[in-house]
Amino acid sequence: MAEEALTIIAEVCGKWGYDVFQITELRVTRGDAQWLSPVRDHDSLVVHFSMNKFNIPGVMEAAAEVEAALAHLAPRAHWGKLHAMGAEVLEERYGAETIAKFRALADEHDPEGVFRNDWFERLVFGDEGDHLELVLEAAPAESPATVR
């Protein structure tokens, strides 16, 4: 499965330039039993991309394309990383029971929502609106001069 994923990633990412993806990191990670872990219950190949923060629209378009190409492998997004997966996909990949358990804990321990933001509300609680709009709204308007 890792070979298939890497082949797909190379194919999809090959058409995006340095102005989108800058560094790719691969990690092989042993599965664990942590219920919110992206590697829960199975050993995994973890693929991390460093992105160009001055081209967030391009990054999000490329991320969505990579995720769509890998969808049949059911990858799980890292909760704290930028990705295009919506609330429904995360619930499907992590399990409805797991997400419900997390929502209940968040409500119990942070009833005022002090440790939440719009991204969290939309992605975890499935509130109205596309969580990606928030990323694009926060994107820097202009890129500084590039030194190569």
Protein backbone atom coordinates (compact mmCIF):
# COMPACT_ATOMS: atom_id res chain seq x y z
CA MET A 1 0.00 0.00 0.00
CA ALA A 2 2.88 2.41 0.76
CA GLU A 3 4.34 1.91 -2.69
CA GLU A 4 0.96 2.66 -4.26
CA ALA A 5 0.56 5.80 -2.13
CA LEU A 6 4.04 7.07 -3.03
CA THR A 7 3.43 6.46 -6.72
CA ILE A 8 0.18 8.44 -6.55
CA ILE A 9 1.79 11.26 -4.57
CA ALA A 10 4.71 11.51 -7.00
CA GLU A 11 2.34 11.64 -9.95
CA VAL A 12 0.02 14.26 -8.47
CA CYS A 13 2.71 16.41 -6.86
CA GLY A 14 4.89 16.27 -9.95
CA LYS A 15 2.65 18.74 -11.71
CA TRP A 16 2.80 21.28 -8.87
CA GLY A 17 5.86 23.49 -8.60
CA TYR A 18 8.02 24.69 -5.76
CA ASP A 19 5.58 27.55 -5.27
CA VAL A 20 3.20 25.01 -3.69
CA PHE A 21 5.12 22.15 -2.07
CA GLN A 22 8.60 22.85 -0.80
CA ILE A 23 9.71 19.84 1.22
CA THR A 24 8.22 16.37 1.56
CA GLU A 25 8.95 14.26 4.61
CA LEU A 26 8.20 10.56 4.86
CA ARG A 27 7.93 8.72 8.16
CA VAL A 28 7.11 5.13 8.87
CA THR A 29 5.15 5.05 12.11
CA ARG A 30 4.11 2.12 14.26
CA GLY A 31 0.39 2.00 14.91
CA ASP A 32 -0.88 2.85 18.36
CA ALA A 33 -4.03 2.55 20.44
CA GLN A 34 -4.63 6.28 20.97
CA TRP A 35 -8.20 6.94 19.87
CA LEU A 36 -7.48 10.30 18.17
CA SER A 37 -4.25 9.20 16.52
CA PRO A 38 -3.99 9.16 12.72
CA VAL A 39 -2.05 5.87 13.04
CA ARG A 40 -4.50 4.21 15.42
CA ASP A 41 -4.61 0.45 14.96
CA HIS A 42 -2.23 0.23 11.99
CA ASP A 43 1.36 0.90 11.04
CA SER A 44 1.48 3.78 8.58
CA LEU A 45 3.49 5.72 6.08
CA VAL A 46 3.11 9.35 7.15
CA VAL A 47 3.60 11.92 4.41
CA HIS A 48 4.15 15.54 5.41
CA PHE A 49 4.45 18.47 3.03
CA SER A 50 5.96 21.83 3.87
CA MET A 51 3.95 24.39 1.99
CA ASN A 52 4.45 27.83 0.60
CA LYS A 53 2.51 30.03 3.00
CA PHE A 54 2.34 32.74 0.34
CA ASN A 55 0.37 30.52 -2.04
CA ILE A 56 -2.35 29.11 0.19
CA PRO A 57 -4.92 28.85 -2.65
CA GLY A 58 -2.46 26.73 -4.66
CA VAL A 59 -1.55 24.67 -1.61
CA MET A 60 -5.19 23.93 -0.83
CA GLU A 61 -5.95 23.03 -4.44
CA ALA A 62 -2.97 20.68 -4.53
CA ALA A 63 -3.80 19.18 -1.12
CA ALA A 64 -7.37 18.47 -2.22
CA GLU A 65 -6.05 16.79 -5.36
CA VAL A 66 -3.59 14.63 -3.40
CA GLU A 67 -6.29 13.67 -0.90
CA ALA A 68 -8.77 12.81 -3.67
CA ALA A 69 -6.18 10.63 -5.42
CA LEU A 70 -5.47 8.79 -2.16
CA ALA A 71 -9.12 8.55 -1.02
CA HIS A 72 -9.42 4.84 -1.80
CA LEU A 73 -6.64 4.25 0.76
CA ALA A 74 -8.68 6.12 3.42
CA PRO A 75 -5.87 8.35 4.75
CA ARG A 76 -6.44 10.12 8.04
CA ALA A 77 -5.53 13.77 8.30
CA HIS A 78 -3.51 15.00 11.26
CA TRP A 79 -5.85 17.08 13.41
CA GLY A 80 -3.43 19.97 13.74
CA LYS A 81 -2.24 20.15 10.14
CA LEU A 82 -3.62 21.88 7.09
CA HIS A 83 -5.73 19.58 4.90
CA ALA A 84 -8.79 19.69 2.69
CA MET A 85 -10.80 16.95 4.42
CA GLY A 86 -14.09 18.17 5.82
CA ALA A 87 -15.94 17.19 8.98
CA GLU A 88 -17.79 14.33 7.26
CA VAL A 89 -14.58 12.75 5.96
CA LEU A 90 -12.83 13.02 9.32
CA GLU A 91 -15.81 11.43 11.03
CA GLU A 92 -15.79 8.61 8.48
CA ARG A 93 -12.03 8.01 8.82
CA TYR A 94 -11.77 8.29 12.61
CA GLY A 95 -15.18 6.76 13.30
CA ALA A 96 -18.43 8.43 14.34
CA GLU A 97 -18.14 7.04 17.88
CA THR A 98 -14.61 8.46 18.29
CA ILE A 99 -15.63 11.91 17.06
CA ALA A 100 -18.74 11.89 19.26
CA LYS A 101 -16.59 10.96 22.27
CA PHE A 102 -14.19 13.80 21.48
CA ARG A 103 -17.04 16.30 21.06
CA ALA A 104 -18.48 15.28 24.43
CA LEU A 105 -15.09 15.73 26.12
CA ALA A 106 -14.60 19.12 24.46
CA ASP A 107 -18.06 20.23 25.63
CA GLU A 108 -17.47 18.91 29.14
CA HIS A 109 -13.99 20.37 29.65
CA ASP A 110 -14.32 23.55 27.59
CA PRO A 111 -18.00 24.51 27.77
CA GLU A 112 -17.22 28.15 26.98
CA GLY A 113 -15.17 27.24 23.91
CA VAL A 114 -12.06 29.05 25.14
CA PHE A 115 -9.74 26.63 23.34
CA ARG A 116 -11.74 26.58 20.11
CA ASN A 117 -11.62 28.63 16.96
CA ASP A 118 -13.71 28.76 13.79
CA TRP A 119 -11.56 26.07 12.14
CA PHE A 120 -12.14 23.70 15.08
CA GLU A 121 -15.87 24.44 15.21
CA ARG A 122 -16.36 23.78 11.52
CA LEU A 123 -14.10 20.78 11.25
CA VAL A 124 -14.84 18.94 14.49
CA PHE A 125 -18.36 20.06 15.25
CA GLY A 126 -19.44 20.32 11.60
CA ASP A 127 -20.74 23.87 12.04
CA GLU A 128 -22.00 25.71 8.98
CA GLY A 129 -19.46 26.80 6.43
CA ASP A 130 -16.43 25.42 4.73
CA HIS A 131 -13.38 25.25 7.02
CA LEU A 132 -11.15 25.95 4.01
CA GLU A 133 -12.64 29.44 3.64
CA LEU A 134 -10.94 30.27 6.93
CA VAL A 135 -7.56 29.22 5.60
CA LEU A 136 -7.93 31.27 2.44
CA GLU A 137 -9.15 34.32 4.37
CA ALA A 138 -6.03 34.18 6.57
CA ALA A 139 -3.60 33.74 3.67
CA PRO A 140 -0.93 36.41 3.21
CA ALA A 141 -1.77 38.68 0.30
CA GLU A 142 1.66 39.00 -1.25
CA SER A 143 4.82 36.95 -1.37
CA PRO A 144 8.13 38.50 -0.39
CA ALA A 145 10.99 38.38 -2.87
CA THR A 146 12.15 34.82 -3.32
CA VAL A 147 15.81 34.00 -2.86
CA ARG A 148 16.97 30.89 -4.66
